[in-house]
Every structure is written in C-alpha cells, then in structure tokens.
Amino acid sequence: MRPYNGIVQVRTIWPWGPATYGTGFLYGNRHVATVGHALFDLDRGGWASWVQIFPARNGSISPLGGFFPLNLSVHGNWFQSRTQGYDIGFIILNDNVPSASIFSMMAANDAALQGMSVTATGYYNNAHPQHTMWRRHGSIRTPLQNVFVSTYSRAGSLSGAPVYDQFGRVVGIHTGHTPSGESVAVRLTWNKIEMFSSTLFW
C-alpha cells in the first residue's frame, strides 16, 4: 500500500560489531536513499561489508523480496568529516523493485518548513515486534541551513526514514536526535536533490 511499499529496511553487516537495521526509501525503481552512517561508519570499521534491502518488510514477511546493492555511495562531506547535515547515502539495487511507490523530493524554503506537519516512517533497530514499520507525526520547529529539528517523538534508529509532508513529498531524512529528544533530519536542498537525481543514470 502506498507509500509504505516505497519504504525499505536496510540491514548492514560491518567489519566491526553487530549488524544494524535502518531505513531507506525509493526515489527510483532501483534507487534507495538512506543516511550515510548506514553505509559508512568509521566507528564500525568504515564501509559496510554487506547490505541487504527489504522493501515493505513486516516482521518475518518481505512481500517484495530482498535486494542487494550494485553500488553504494555517500555524500563527500559525510565521508570526509561526518557532518550531520550531509549524512546521506545512495544505494543502487541489483534489480527494479516491483509494484513499489517512488517518493518525490522537495527543497522547501524556511517559511514553508517552519511549522510544517510531517511524518517519519521507518524501522527501529530494536523494534518489538522485530522488523516492523513505525510511523511518527510531528511538526518542524527549527529549520537550519542543512538540518531541521522536529517534534515527532525521539526515533534514534529510524535513521534513514523519509520525513515527508501531507502530500508525501520528502523534505528531509531522519538522522538522529537532540540531547532533549527532539528529532533531527538532514534538510533536502536543491543541491542534494540534484545529487540524488544524477544517480538515476547510474
């Protein structure tokens, strides 16, 4: 069901430490947007050793199957300095995802973002029951140059979840939270959206 069949669980195996589970979303038939730290994390040994994608996963059921990446990449500013405002990653899959919803992206200005009602939907690393999709609602409180702070509930391991408006347009990607528990998302700008668009030709 739209838009949930366009949201994917990202399972990552690392050189160091346990596997992690995060979220991504489809912006093309075989193109997944997520956070950079789901693919490259120096604290876990650098680049992911192995990644698998499960669109619309619900517990033990993966109705659209599992997919593997042909290509992984992250924003250069995340790779070089782990700057939170550039914590974005790109995954090109080995095949098209059948019957999936494709998300559009929007670069909204400060006035449009301030107070905007948004939804974040994705997978918690430690959800109960396991591997189930969760949805959180809130509003954008503080739009900054490359991130924005929102009031939807603390969602630490919803990392990579699309943050979208009432029309389903993605305006940010959940990356973490403030010390007080408010959610932080990478703000989508025209430059970032152009980077995503360029990967559609890969």
Protein backbone atom coordinates (compact mmCIF):
# COMPACT_ATOMS: atom_id res chain seq x y z
CA MET A 1 0.00 0.00 0.00
CA ARG A 2 1.28 3.47 -0.85
CA PRO A 3 3.51 4.94 0.44
CA TYR A 4 4.68 2.05 2.61
CA ASN A 5 5.80 -0.18 -0.26
CA GLY A 6 8.33 2.53 -1.10
CA ILE A 7 9.96 2.34 2.36
CA VAL A 8 12.70 -0.24 2.87
CA GLN A 9 14.56 -1.82 5.74
CA VAL A 10 18.35 -1.60 5.39
CA ARG A 11 20.33 -4.42 7.00
CA THR A 12 24.05 -3.70 7.29
CA ILE A 13 26.91 -6.02 8.22
CA TRP A 14 30.05 -4.19 9.36
CA PRO A 15 33.74 -5.06 9.65
CA TRP A 16 33.41 -4.47 13.40
CA GLY A 17 30.49 -5.09 15.73
CA PRO A 18 26.95 -6.37 15.26
CA ALA A 19 24.65 -5.92 12.30
CA THR A 20 22.46 -2.81 12.28
CA TYR A 21 19.00 -2.18 10.88
CA GLY A 22 17.93 1.15 9.43
CA THR A 23 15.56 2.64 6.89
CA GLY A 24 15.65 3.93 3.35
CA PHE A 25 13.13 4.94 0.71
CA LEU A 26 12.85 4.50 -3.03
CA TYR A 27 13.38 7.56 -5.23
CA GLY A 28 13.68 5.42 -8.38
CA ASN A 29 12.73 1.89 -9.35
CA ARG A 30 16.06 0.59 -8.05
CA HIS A 31 17.41 3.64 -6.22
CA VAL A 32 17.32 3.91 -2.42
CA ALA A 33 18.03 6.99 -0.32
CA THR A 34 19.21 6.50 3.25
CA VAL A 35 21.65 8.00 5.76
CA GLY A 36 25.36 7.91 5.17
CA HIS A 37 26.01 6.25 8.53
CA ALA A 38 24.03 3.19 7.37
CA LEU A 39 26.74 2.62 4.73
CA PHE A 40 29.92 4.24 6.04
CA ASP A 41 30.78 4.49 9.75
CA LEU A 42 34.36 4.77 11.00
CA ASP A 43 33.30 3.52 14.43
CA ARG A 44 32.23 0.24 12.81
CA GLY A 45 35.24 -0.17 10.55
CA GLY A 46 34.42 2.13 7.62
CA TRP A 47 32.42 0.90 4.64
CA ALA A 48 29.69 -1.69 5.12
CA SER A 49 30.82 -5.26 4.39
CA TRP A 50 27.38 -6.36 3.24
CA VAL A 51 23.98 -4.71 2.76
CA GLN A 52 20.54 -6.14 2.05
CA ILE A 53 17.33 -4.24 1.32
CA PHE A 54 13.80 -5.39 2.21
CA PRO A 55 11.03 -3.17 0.76
CA ALA A 56 7.82 -3.02 2.83
CA ARG A 57 9.09 -5.61 5.29
CA ASN A 58 6.62 -6.57 8.01
CA GLY A 59 8.12 -8.85 10.63
CA SER A 60 9.20 -12.10 9.00
CA ILE A 61 7.32 -11.25 5.79
CA SER A 62 9.11 -9.49 2.91
CA PRO A 63 6.32 -9.17 0.32
CA LEU A 64 8.53 -7.65 -2.40
CA GLY A 65 11.58 -9.82 -1.72
CA GLY A 66 15.15 -8.96 -0.77
CA PHE A 67 17.60 -6.95 -2.88
CA PHE A 68 21.34 -6.35 -2.94
CA PRO A 69 23.27 -3.24 -3.96
CA LEU A 70 25.29 -2.88 -7.12
CA ASN A 71 26.68 0.43 -5.87
CA LEU A 72 26.93 2.22 -2.52
CA SER A 73 27.96 5.83 -2.04
CA VAL A 74 27.68 8.64 0.49
CA HIS A 75 27.89 12.41 0.30
CA GLY A 76 31.51 13.60 0.18
CA ASN A 77 31.07 15.78 3.27
CA TRP A 78 29.89 12.76 5.27
CA PHE A 79 32.81 10.65 4.06
CA GLN A 80 35.38 13.34 4.84
CA SER A 81 34.11 14.87 8.08
CA ARG A 82 30.88 13.10 9.15
CA THR A 83 28.96 16.38 9.06
CA GLN A 84 25.37 15.63 10.16
CA GLY A 85 23.82 17.94 7.58
CA TYR A 86 25.29 15.74 4.84
CA ASP A 87 24.55 12.35 6.41
CA ILE A 88 23.03 10.91 3.24
CA GLY A 89 23.68 7.73 1.31
CA PHE A 90 22.77 6.33 -2.09
CA ILE A 91 22.11 2.67 -2.90
CA ILE A 92 21.70 1.34 -6.44
CA LEU A 93 19.98 -2.06 -6.35
CA ASN A 94 20.64 -5.15 -8.43
CA ASP A 95 17.11 -5.07 -9.88
CA ASN A 96 13.95 -2.97 -10.04
CA VAL A 97 11.57 -3.25 -7.09
CA PRO A 98 8.19 -4.42 -8.43
CA SER A 99 4.99 -2.51 -7.60
CA ALA A 100 6.84 -0.06 -5.37
CA SER A 101 5.95 3.55 -4.56
CA ILE A 102 8.51 6.11 -5.67
CA PHE A 103 8.93 9.14 -3.43
CA SER A 104 9.41 12.65 -4.77
CA MET A 105 11.69 15.14 -3.01
CA MET A 106 11.16 18.82 -2.31
CA ALA A 107 13.55 21.62 -1.34
CA ALA A 108 11.31 23.85 0.77
CA ASN A 109 12.32 27.31 1.97
CA ASP A 110 12.47 28.33 5.64
CA ALA A 111 9.00 29.84 5.65
CA ALA A 112 7.44 26.68 4.20
CA LEU A 113 9.32 24.40 6.60
CA GLN A 114 8.60 26.37 9.77
CA GLY A 115 5.66 24.63 11.48
CA MET A 116 5.13 22.15 8.61
CA SER A 117 3.32 18.98 9.67
CA VAL A 118 5.50 16.00 8.81
CA THR A 119 5.56 12.22 9.11
CA ALA A 120 8.58 9.96 9.53
CA THR A 121 8.08 6.29 8.69
CA GLY A 122 10.62 3.52 9.02
CA TYR A 123 12.20 0.72 11.03
CA TYR A 124 13.62 0.87 14.53
CA ASN A 125 16.80 -1.07 15.17
CA ASN A 126 15.22 -2.57 18.30
CA ALA A 127 11.51 -2.60 17.42
CA HIS A 128 9.13 -5.04 19.07
CA PRO A 129 7.89 -6.99 17.25
CA GLN A 130 11.09 -7.10 15.23
CA HIS A 131 11.40 -5.72 11.69
CA THR A 132 8.10 -3.85 11.77
CA MET A 133 7.45 -0.44 10.24
CA TRP A 134 6.55 2.50 12.51
CA ARG A 135 5.16 5.94 11.79
CA ARG A 136 5.64 9.14 13.79
CA HIS A 137 3.94 12.53 13.31
CA GLY A 138 5.05 16.00 14.36
CA SER A 139 5.96 19.42 13.05
CA ILE A 140 9.15 21.18 12.07
CA ARG A 141 10.27 23.56 14.79
CA THR A 142 13.67 24.86 13.68
CA PRO A 143 14.80 24.84 10.03
CA LEU A 144 18.55 25.42 9.73
CA GLN A 145 20.77 25.51 6.64
CA ASN A 146 21.36 21.76 6.32
CA VAL A 147 19.21 20.15 9.02
CA PHE A 148 15.90 20.76 10.74
CA VAL A 149 14.60 19.90 14.19
CA SER A 150 11.12 18.38 14.53
CA THR A 151 8.76 17.49 17.35
CA TYR A 152 7.93 13.94 16.27
CA SER A 153 8.98 11.59 19.05
CA ARG A 154 12.57 10.53 19.62
CA ALA A 155 13.36 8.00 16.93
CA GLY A 156 17.06 7.22 17.21
CA SER A 157 17.19 4.20 14.97
CA LEU A 158 14.62 5.38 12.46
CA SER A 159 17.77 6.66 10.76
CA GLY A 160 17.23 6.93 7.03
CA ALA A 161 13.46 7.30 7.30
CA PRO A 162 11.84 9.75 4.89
CA VAL A 163 10.37 12.84 6.56
CA TYR A 164 7.52 13.91 4.32
CA ASP A 165 4.68 16.42 4.14
CA GLN A 166 0.95 15.78 3.84
CA PHE A 167 1.33 15.22 0.09
CA GLY A 168 4.05 12.59 0.51
CA ARG A 169 6.90 14.85 -0.63
CA VAL A 170 10.15 14.14 1.19
CA VAL A 171 11.71 17.25 2.73
CA GLY A 172 14.30 15.52 4.92
CA ILE A 173 15.92 12.27 6.00
CA HIS A 174 15.90 11.31 9.69
CA THR A 175 19.44 11.22 11.05
CA GLY A 176 19.24 11.37 14.86
CA HIS A 177 18.03 13.46 17.77
CA THR A 178 18.98 16.34 20.03
CA PRO A 179 20.03 15.76 23.67
CA SER A 180 16.50 16.76 24.70
CA GLY A 181 14.97 14.07 22.45
CA GLU A 182 13.73 16.12 19.52
CA SER A 183 14.27 14.56 16.11
CA VAL A 184 16.85 15.84 13.64
CA ALA A 185 16.66 15.36 9.87
CA VAL A 186 19.00 16.18 7.03
CA ARG A 187 17.31 19.01 5.17
CA LEU A 188 16.92 18.41 1.44
CA THR A 189 18.23 21.31 -0.61
CA TRP A 190 18.34 21.73 -4.37
CA ASN A 191 22.00 20.68 -4.43
CA LYS A 192 21.28 17.48 -2.52
CA ILE A 193 18.26 16.66 -4.67
CA GLU A 194 20.37 17.18 -7.79
CA MET A 195 22.85 14.64 -6.42
CA PHE A 196 20.06 12.10 -5.98
CA SER A 197 18.75 12.87 -9.48
CA SER A 198 22.19 12.34 -11.02
CA THR A 199 22.35 8.80 -9.61
CA LEU A 200 19.22 7.82 -11.55
CA PHE A 201 21.51 7.47 -14.58
CA TRP A 202 23.92 5.09 -12.84
